[in-house]
């Protein structure tokens, strides 16, 4: 009997990680695949990336606006639950697949678990920093199945009382696309976005929602350092968490500086090509923890947002201090690293698809119990 699977995506980042999984599952006759598109995807300020989801060629896409400009996270959560609940009652999926640590993922887990729909969580069991970490672990507790990146994540889920038989190590799905021979060439990527830099770094900086009071100073110190470095940068907008307007206001200082190319969003495949050919990444994005070390490039990780998430030697962990940043940029430019494979080999889609084909996975009980570690 065909199983109906609903994937939920709320950001350009989680879609990049889910994309290979969706393709693999949709190509199987055993599954009927649908995608619920919401969150940042539906906001024009951040590039209306729902268009990128549509361009990917998936058969069944449902778009839902879950927020206004100044909605707080709790309001966004409530709106997403309402919209997804109505859609799920109409679609009647056998499984809802969510990713990571966003409020949209929490909404998916809540709707699934409260309606006796199996919930699968991609990349649970990790540390995120900020409010994201609370959300990630909450999503895990509301989920029935866990598809994690590595054994460290698996151990954390066991600490949370999850059943070891519900946890599967598949690696990080974005690595599937990173290793794909079908990525655009550097020429095609730079031509598409009118980038004429011979060498460049990538800058991505998101709000730390639990430290908003220090955000204005932190982002100012950071942008000051980038300007003073005299290097060229590809800059990508932050996510839409509380505080993003503070970051966007600071980025406006770069508007007429020819050393900077600023984008609301980039197509994920083009982003990976540009990342792979960069000198380094700087900021507090998870891309500096996952993708860049996999390519063997330096990451300058600022602040606490990604604290303790990786031990890769290629990551420079520093605070947002102009002079410290400038010194670290010099070190990064002189450094050489071997590729890290902390988050898998790039075959998550194959592992995930084969697991879904097993009958015992679909026999997972909707009734969860806490497993004590004695």
Protein backbone atom coordinates (compact mmCIF):
# COMPACT_ATOMS: atom_id res chain seq x y z
CA UNK A 1 0.00 0.00 0.00
CA UNK A 2 1.34 3.44 -0.97
CA UNK A 3 2.40 5.57 2.00
CA UNK A 4 1.63 9.28 1.91
CA UNK A 5 4.51 11.41 3.21
CA UNK A 6 4.32 15.14 3.91
CA UNK A 7 7.58 17.12 4.07
CA UNK A 8 7.48 20.50 5.81
CA UNK A 9 9.90 23.28 4.84
CA UNK A 10 10.06 26.77 6.31
CA UNK A 11 13.46 28.13 5.25
CA UNK A 12 15.97 28.08 2.40
CA UNK A 13 18.32 26.20 4.77
CA UNK A 14 16.03 23.31 5.70
CA UNK A 15 14.88 22.92 2.10
CA UNK A 16 18.52 22.54 1.06
CA UNK A 17 18.83 19.71 3.56
CA UNK A 18 15.51 18.04 2.69
CA UNK A 19 15.78 18.36 -1.08
CA UNK A 20 17.77 15.20 -1.79
CA UNK A 21 15.55 13.16 0.53
CA UNK A 22 12.39 14.41 -1.17
CA UNK A 23 13.77 13.62 -4.63
CA UNK A 24 14.76 10.09 -3.62
CA UNK A 25 11.44 9.29 -1.96
CA UNK A 26 9.34 10.87 -4.72
CA UNK A 27 11.06 8.65 -7.29
CA UNK A 28 9.78 5.53 -5.51
CA UNK A 29 6.41 4.07 -6.45
CA UNK A 30 5.91 3.10 -2.80
CA UNK A 31 5.40 6.67 -1.66
CA UNK A 32 3.08 9.57 -2.42
CA UNK A 33 5.03 12.75 -1.62
CA UNK A 34 3.69 16.20 -0.73
CA UNK A 35 5.44 19.40 0.44
CA UNK A 36 4.06 22.07 2.79
CA UNK A 37 5.94 25.33 2.08
CA UNK A 38 5.75 28.14 4.62
CA UNK A 39 7.86 30.45 6.81
CA UNK A 40 10.69 32.46 5.24
CA UNK A 41 9.92 30.89 1.87
CA UNK A 42 6.84 33.11 1.63
CA UNK A 43 8.46 36.45 2.54
CA UNK A 44 9.56 38.75 -0.29
CA UNK A 45 12.22 40.48 1.86
CA UNK A 46 14.09 37.18 2.04
CA UNK A 47 13.81 36.39 -1.64
CA UNK A 48 10.42 34.59 -1.80
CA UNK A 49 12.28 31.27 -1.94
CA UNK A 50 9.04 29.35 -2.41
CA UNK A 51 9.85 29.94 -6.09
CA UNK A 52 13.00 27.82 -5.71
CA UNK A 53 10.93 25.01 -4.22
CA UNK A 54 8.58 25.18 -7.20
CA UNK A 55 11.48 25.20 -9.67
CA UNK A 56 12.73 21.93 -8.19
CA UNK A 57 9.96 20.15 -10.07
CA UNK A 58 8.18 18.39 -7.21
CA UNK A 59 4.68 17.19 -8.00
CA UNK A 60 2.60 18.36 -5.03
CA UNK A 61 3.42 21.67 -3.31
CA UNK A 62 1.13 23.57 -0.94
CA UNK A 63 2.11 27.12 0.03
CA UNK A 64 0.97 28.76 3.25
CA UNK A 65 1.76 32.23 4.66
CA UNK A 66 2.28 31.78 8.39
CA UNK A 67 3.38 35.23 9.52
CA UNK A 68 3.27 38.97 9.20
CA UNK A 69 6.36 41.14 9.44
CA UNK A 70 6.38 41.69 13.19
CA UNK A 71 4.90 38.42 14.45
CA UNK A 72 6.76 36.90 17.38
CA UNK A 73 7.83 33.25 17.34
CA UNK A 74 4.92 32.08 19.48
CA UNK A 75 2.41 33.69 17.12
CA UNK A 76 4.17 32.15 14.10
CA UNK A 77 4.01 28.76 15.82
CA UNK A 78 0.28 29.14 16.46
CA UNK A 79 -0.47 30.24 12.88
CA UNK A 80 1.59 27.39 11.43
CA UNK A 81 -0.21 24.83 13.58
CA UNK A 82 -3.58 26.12 12.39
CA UNK A 83 -2.70 26.06 8.70
CA UNK A 84 -0.86 22.74 8.78
CA UNK A 85 -3.57 21.09 10.85
CA UNK A 86 -6.23 22.00 8.30
CA UNK A 87 -4.03 20.76 5.45
CA UNK A 88 -3.11 17.51 7.23
CA UNK A 89 -6.77 16.72 7.95
CA UNK A 90 -7.49 17.10 4.24
CA UNK A 91 -4.38 15.25 3.00
CA UNK A 92 -4.34 12.52 5.67
CA UNK A 93 -0.60 11.76 5.50
CA UNK A 94 0.91 8.64 7.04
CA UNK A 95 4.03 10.57 8.03
CA UNK A 96 5.12 14.18 8.50
CA UNK A 97 8.85 14.86 8.00
CA UNK A 98 10.32 17.92 9.72
CA UNK A 99 13.85 19.23 9.97
CA UNK A 100 15.96 20.89 12.60
CA UNK A 101 15.08 23.59 15.08
CA UNK A 102 12.67 26.13 13.64
CA UNK A 103 9.17 26.91 14.93
CA UNK A 104 7.75 25.46 11.71
CA UNK A 105 9.34 22.11 12.60
CA UNK A 106 7.80 22.32 16.05
CA UNK A 107 4.41 23.00 14.47
CA UNK A 108 4.82 19.94 12.26
CA UNK A 109 5.74 17.74 15.21
CA UNK A 110 2.80 19.03 17.27
CA UNK A 111 0.27 18.56 14.47
CA UNK A 112 1.56 15.07 13.70
CA UNK A 113 1.81 13.76 17.24
CA UNK A 114 -1.56 15.17 18.34
CA UNK A 115 -3.28 13.67 15.31
CA UNK A 116 -1.68 10.20 15.50
CA UNK A 117 0.50 10.79 12.44
CA UNK A 118 4.06 9.45 12.55
CA UNK A 119 6.55 12.31 12.87
CA UNK A 120 10.08 11.91 11.51
CA UNK A 121 12.69 14.42 12.67
CA UNK A 122 15.76 15.07 10.54
CA UNK A 123 18.94 16.17 12.37
CA UNK A 124 17.67 15.98 15.92
CA UNK A 125 20.00 15.40 18.85
CA UNK A 126 22.28 18.33 18.06
CA UNK A 127 23.17 21.49 19.90
CA UNK A 128 22.10 24.74 18.26
CA UNK A 129 22.59 27.53 20.77
CA UNK A 130 19.95 30.24 21.41
CA UNK A 131 16.25 29.35 21.55
CA UNK A 132 16.81 27.00 18.60
CA UNK A 133 18.26 24.34 20.88
CA UNK A 134 15.14 24.27 23.05
CA UNK A 135 13.02 23.94 19.93
CA UNK A 136 15.17 21.16 18.45
CA UNK A 137 14.95 18.99 21.60
CA UNK A 138 11.24 19.72 21.94
CA UNK A 139 10.67 18.59 18.36
CA UNK A 140 12.59 15.40 19.10
CA UNK A 141 10.34 14.64 22.08
CA UNK A 142 7.25 15.12 19.89
CA UNK A 143 8.68 12.89 17.13
CA UNK A 144 8.42 9.12 16.73
CA UNK A 145 11.38 8.55 14.39
CA UNK A 146 14.79 10.20 14.32
CA UNK A 147 17.16 10.44 11.36
CA UNK A 148 20.38 11.90 12.76
CA UNK A 149 23.70 13.09 11.37
CA UNK A 150 26.13 11.16 13.56
CA UNK A 151 26.56 9.03 16.65
CA UNK A 152 27.00 12.06 18.92
CA UNK A 153 23.47 13.15 18.02
CA UNK A 154 22.23 9.61 18.59
CA UNK A 155 23.73 9.58 22.09
CA UNK A 156 22.03 12.86 22.97
CA UNK A 157 18.65 11.47 21.94
CA UNK A 158 19.25 8.46 24.14
CA UNK A 159 19.94 10.89 26.99
CA UNK A 160 16.54 12.44 26.25
CA UNK A 161 14.92 9.06 26.84
CA UNK A 162 14.31 8.13 23.20
CA UNK A 163 14.09 4.48 22.13
CA UNK A 164 17.30 3.35 20.43
CA UNK A 165 15.22 1.43 17.88
CA UNK A 166 13.68 4.70 16.67
CA UNK A 167 17.03 6.40 15.95
CA UNK A 168 18.80 6.01 12.59
CA UNK A 169 22.17 7.53 11.69
CA UNK A 170 21.99 8.71 8.07
CA UNK A 171 24.42 11.66 7.97
CA UNK A 172 23.54 15.23 7.04
CA UNK A 173 21.38 15.35 3.88
CA UNK A 174 22.87 18.59 2.56
CA UNK A 175 26.12 16.68 1.96
CA UNK A 176 24.25 14.67 -0.69
CA UNK A 177 23.94 17.79 -2.81
CA UNK A 178 27.46 18.94 -1.93
CA UNK A 179 28.91 15.78 -3.47
CA UNK A 180 26.62 15.86 -6.51
CA UNK A 181 28.32 16.07 -9.93
CA UNK A 182 25.41 18.25 -11.06
CA UNK A 183 26.30 21.39 -9.11
CA UNK A 184 26.61 24.49 -11.31
CA UNK A 185 30.10 25.59 -12.31
CA UNK A 186 31.67 28.59 -10.63
CA UNK A 187 31.32 30.47 -13.91
CA UNK A 188 27.58 29.76 -14.07
CA UNK A 189 27.02 30.66 -10.41
CA UNK A 190 28.92 33.96 -10.58
CA UNK A 191 27.28 34.87 -13.89
CA UNK A 192 23.81 34.16 -12.52
CA UNK A 193 24.35 36.56 -9.61
CA UNK A 194 26.58 39.08 -11.41
CA UNK A 195 29.56 38.45 -9.14
CA UNK A 196 32.86 39.63 -10.60
CA UNK A 197 35.20 38.82 -7.68
CA UNK A 198 38.37 36.86 -8.43
CA UNK A 199 38.59 35.84 -4.77
CA UNK A 200 36.07 36.29 -1.97
CA UNK A 201 34.80 35.11 1.40
CA UNK A 202 31.20 34.41 2.43
CA UNK A 203 29.46 36.25 5.29
CA UNK A 204 26.26 35.02 6.96
CA UNK A 205 25.15 36.27 10.36
CA UNK A 206 21.88 35.45 12.14
CA UNK A 207 20.30 36.90 15.28
CA UNK A 208 21.02 35.19 18.59
CA UNK A 209 17.50 35.42 19.96
CA UNK A 210 18.56 34.94 23.58
CA UNK A 211 21.09 37.79 23.37
CA UNK A 212 19.26 40.51 21.44
CA UNK A 213 20.54 43.20 23.79
CA UNK A 214 24.12 42.73 22.51
CA UNK A 215 23.19 42.26 18.85
CA UNK A 216 23.61 45.91 17.73
CA UNK A 217 27.14 46.06 19.11
CA UNK A 218 28.07 42.58 17.88
CA UNK A 219 26.98 43.13 14.30
CA UNK A 220 28.56 46.60 14.19
CA UNK A 221 31.92 45.22 15.38
CA UNK A 222 31.67 42.49 12.75
CA UNK A 223 30.78 44.73 9.81
CA UNK A 224 33.51 47.18 10.87
CA UNK A 225 36.02 44.33 10.65
CA UNK A 226 34.82 43.18 7.23
CA UNK A 227 35.11 46.70 5.82
CA UNK A 228 38.58 47.21 7.34
CA UNK A 229 39.83 43.86 6.00
CA UNK A 230 39.63 45.25 2.42
CA UNK A 231 38.65 41.76 1.19
CA UNK A 232 35.70 40.98 -1.04
CA UNK A 233 32.61 39.28 0.38
CA UNK A 234 29.43 37.59 -0.74
CA UNK A 235 26.87 38.51 1.91
CA UNK A 236 23.59 36.66 2.47
CA UNK A 237 20.71 38.02 4.52
CA UNK A 238 20.02 36.59 7.99
CA UNK A 239 17.04 34.42 8.77
CA UNK A 240 13.86 36.14 9.92
CA UNK A 241 14.23 35.61 13.69
CA UNK A 242 13.77 38.46 16.16
CA UNK A 243 16.61 40.91 15.60
CA UNK A 244 16.97 40.40 11.86
CA UNK A 245 16.03 44.05 11.24
CA UNK A 246 19.03 45.12 13.33
CA UNK A 247 21.32 43.06 11.11
CA UNK A 248 19.70 44.26 7.89
CA UNK A 249 20.08 47.87 9.02
CA UNK A 250 23.81 47.30 9.60
CA UNK A 251 24.19 45.58 6.23
CA UNK A 252 22.81 48.73 4.58
CA UNK A 253 26.24 50.27 5.25
CA UNK A 254 27.60 47.97 2.54
CA UNK A 255 25.19 49.16 -0.13
CA UNK A 256 27.66 51.23 -2.17
CA UNK A 257 30.84 49.38 -1.22
CA UNK A 258 32.15 47.49 -4.27
CA UNK A 259 33.87 44.90 -2.06
CA UNK A 260 30.47 43.49 -1.09
CA UNK A 261 27.73 41.69 -2.99
CA UNK A 262 24.63 41.40 -0.79
CA UNK A 263 21.79 38.95 -1.52
CA UNK A 264 18.50 38.15 0.24
CA UNK A 265 19.00 34.51 -0.75
CA UNK A 266 20.86 32.27 -3.20
CA UNK A 267 19.75 29.08 -4.91
CA UNK A 268 21.15 26.31 -2.70
CA UNK A 269 23.19 24.64 -5.43
CA UNK A 270 24.74 27.97 -6.46
CA UNK A 271 25.41 28.77 -2.82
CA UNK A 272 27.33 25.50 -2.43
CA UNK A 273 29.43 26.19 -5.52
CA UNK A 274 30.25 29.69 -4.29
CA UNK A 275 31.02 28.32 -0.83
CA UNK A 276 33.30 25.60 -2.20
CA UNK A 277 35.35 28.19 -4.09
CA UNK A 278 35.55 30.77 -1.32
CA UNK A 279 38.56 31.67 0.82
CA UNK A 280 36.60 31.14 4.04
CA UNK A 281 33.21 31.71 5.65
CA UNK A 282 32.63 34.13 8.50
CA UNK A 283 29.54 34.58 10.67
CA UNK A 284 27.42 32.27 12.82
CA UNK A 285 25.63 30.12 10.25
CA UNK A 286 25.54 26.34 10.49
CA UNK A 287 27.13 26.37 7.03
CA UNK A 288 30.39 27.17 8.80
CA UNK A 289 29.98 24.07 10.94
CA UNK A 290 28.79 21.58 8.33
CA UNK A 291 29.40 22.50 4.73
CA UNK A 292 32.66 24.45 4.94
CA UNK A 293 34.65 21.89 7.00
CA UNK A 294 33.43 19.19 4.58
CA UNK A 295 35.13 21.20 1.82
CA UNK A 296 38.30 21.57 3.91
CA UNK A 297 38.00 25.36 4.14
CA UNK A 298 38.36 27.67 7.17
CA UNK A 299 35.34 28.88 9.14
CA UNK A 300 35.40 31.92 11.41
CA UNK A 301 32.55 31.21 13.82
CA UNK A 302 31.38 34.30 15.70
CA UNK A 303 29.74 34.29 19.11
CA UNK A 304 27.67 31.59 20.79
CA UNK A 305 25.06 30.57 18.21
CA UNK A 306 26.97 27.43 17.12
CA UNK A 307 28.82 26.84 20.40
CA UNK A 308 29.96 23.22 20.97
CA UNK A 309 28.37 22.02 17.75
CA UNK A 310 31.56 20.75 16.10
CA UNK A 311 35.19 20.05 16.96
CA UNK A 312 36.52 20.49 13.42
CA UNK A 313 40.06 21.88 13.39
CA UNK A 314 39.13 24.26 10.57
CA UNK A 315 36.75 26.27 12.78
CA UNK A 316 38.03 29.41 14.50
CA UNK A 317 35.70 30.22 17.41
CA UNK A 318 35.90 33.89 18.43
CA UNK A 319 33.77 36.74 19.74
CA UNK A 320 32.51 39.71 17.75
CA UNK A 321 35.45 42.03 18.34
CA UNK A 322 36.78 44.03 15.38
CA UNK A 323 40.48 43.55 16.12
CA UNK A 324 40.11 39.87 16.99
CA UNK A 325 38.16 39.30 13.78
CA UNK A 326 40.82 41.02 11.67
CA UNK A 327 43.59 38.93 13.26
CA UNK A 328 41.60 35.73 12.72
CA UNK A 329 40.95 36.58 9.06
CA UNK A 330 44.72 36.76 8.54
CA UNK A 331 45.14 33.35 10.21
CA UNK A 332 42.34 31.83 8.14
CA UNK A 333 43.90 33.03 4.88
CA UNK A 334 47.16 31.29 5.78
CA UNK A 335 45.58 28.02 6.95
CA UNK A 336 45.18 24.70 5.16
CA UNK A 337 42.87 21.90 6.31
CA UNK A 338 41.83 18.41 5.30
CA UNK A 339 38.12 17.81 4.60
CA UNK A 340 36.07 16.78 7.66
CA UNK A 341 33.44 14.04 7.48
CA UNK A 342 31.90 14.52 10.90
CA UNK A 343 28.38 14.64 9.44
CA UNK A 344 28.43 11.77 6.96
CA UNK A 345 29.58 10.75 3.51
CA UNK A 346 26.95 12.32 1.28
CA UNK A 347 24.58 9.36 0.83
CA UNK A 348 21.82 10.25 3.30
CA UNK A 349 19.11 10.09 0.66
CA UNK A 350 19.86 6.45 -0.17
CA UNK A 351 19.97 5.42 3.49
CA UNK A 352 16.76 7.32 4.26
CA UNK A 353 14.86 5.86 1.32
CA UNK A 354 15.87 2.27 2.14
CA UNK A 355 14.81 2.73 5.76
CA UNK A 356 11.36 3.98 4.68
CA UNK A 357 10.88 0.83 2.65
CA UNK A 358 11.13 -1.35 5.76
CA UNK A 359 7.80 -2.49 7.18
CA UNK A 360 9.04 -2.41 10.77
CA UNK A 361 9.62 1.35 10.52
CA UNK A 362 5.98 1.92 9.64
CA UNK A 363 4.95 -0.29 12.56
CA UNK A 364 6.45 2.25 14.98
CA UNK A 365 3.91 2.97 17.71
CA UNK A 366 2.34 6.41 18.05
CA UNK A 367 2.47 5.84 21.80
CA UNK A 368 5.92 6.92 22.98
CA UNK A 369 7.47 5.93 26.28
CA UNK A 370 10.47 7.39 28.08
CA UNK A 371 13.44 5.02 28.17
CA UNK A 372 15.40 5.43 31.40
CA UNK A 373 19.19 5.16 31.14
CA UNK A 374 20.09 3.13 34.24
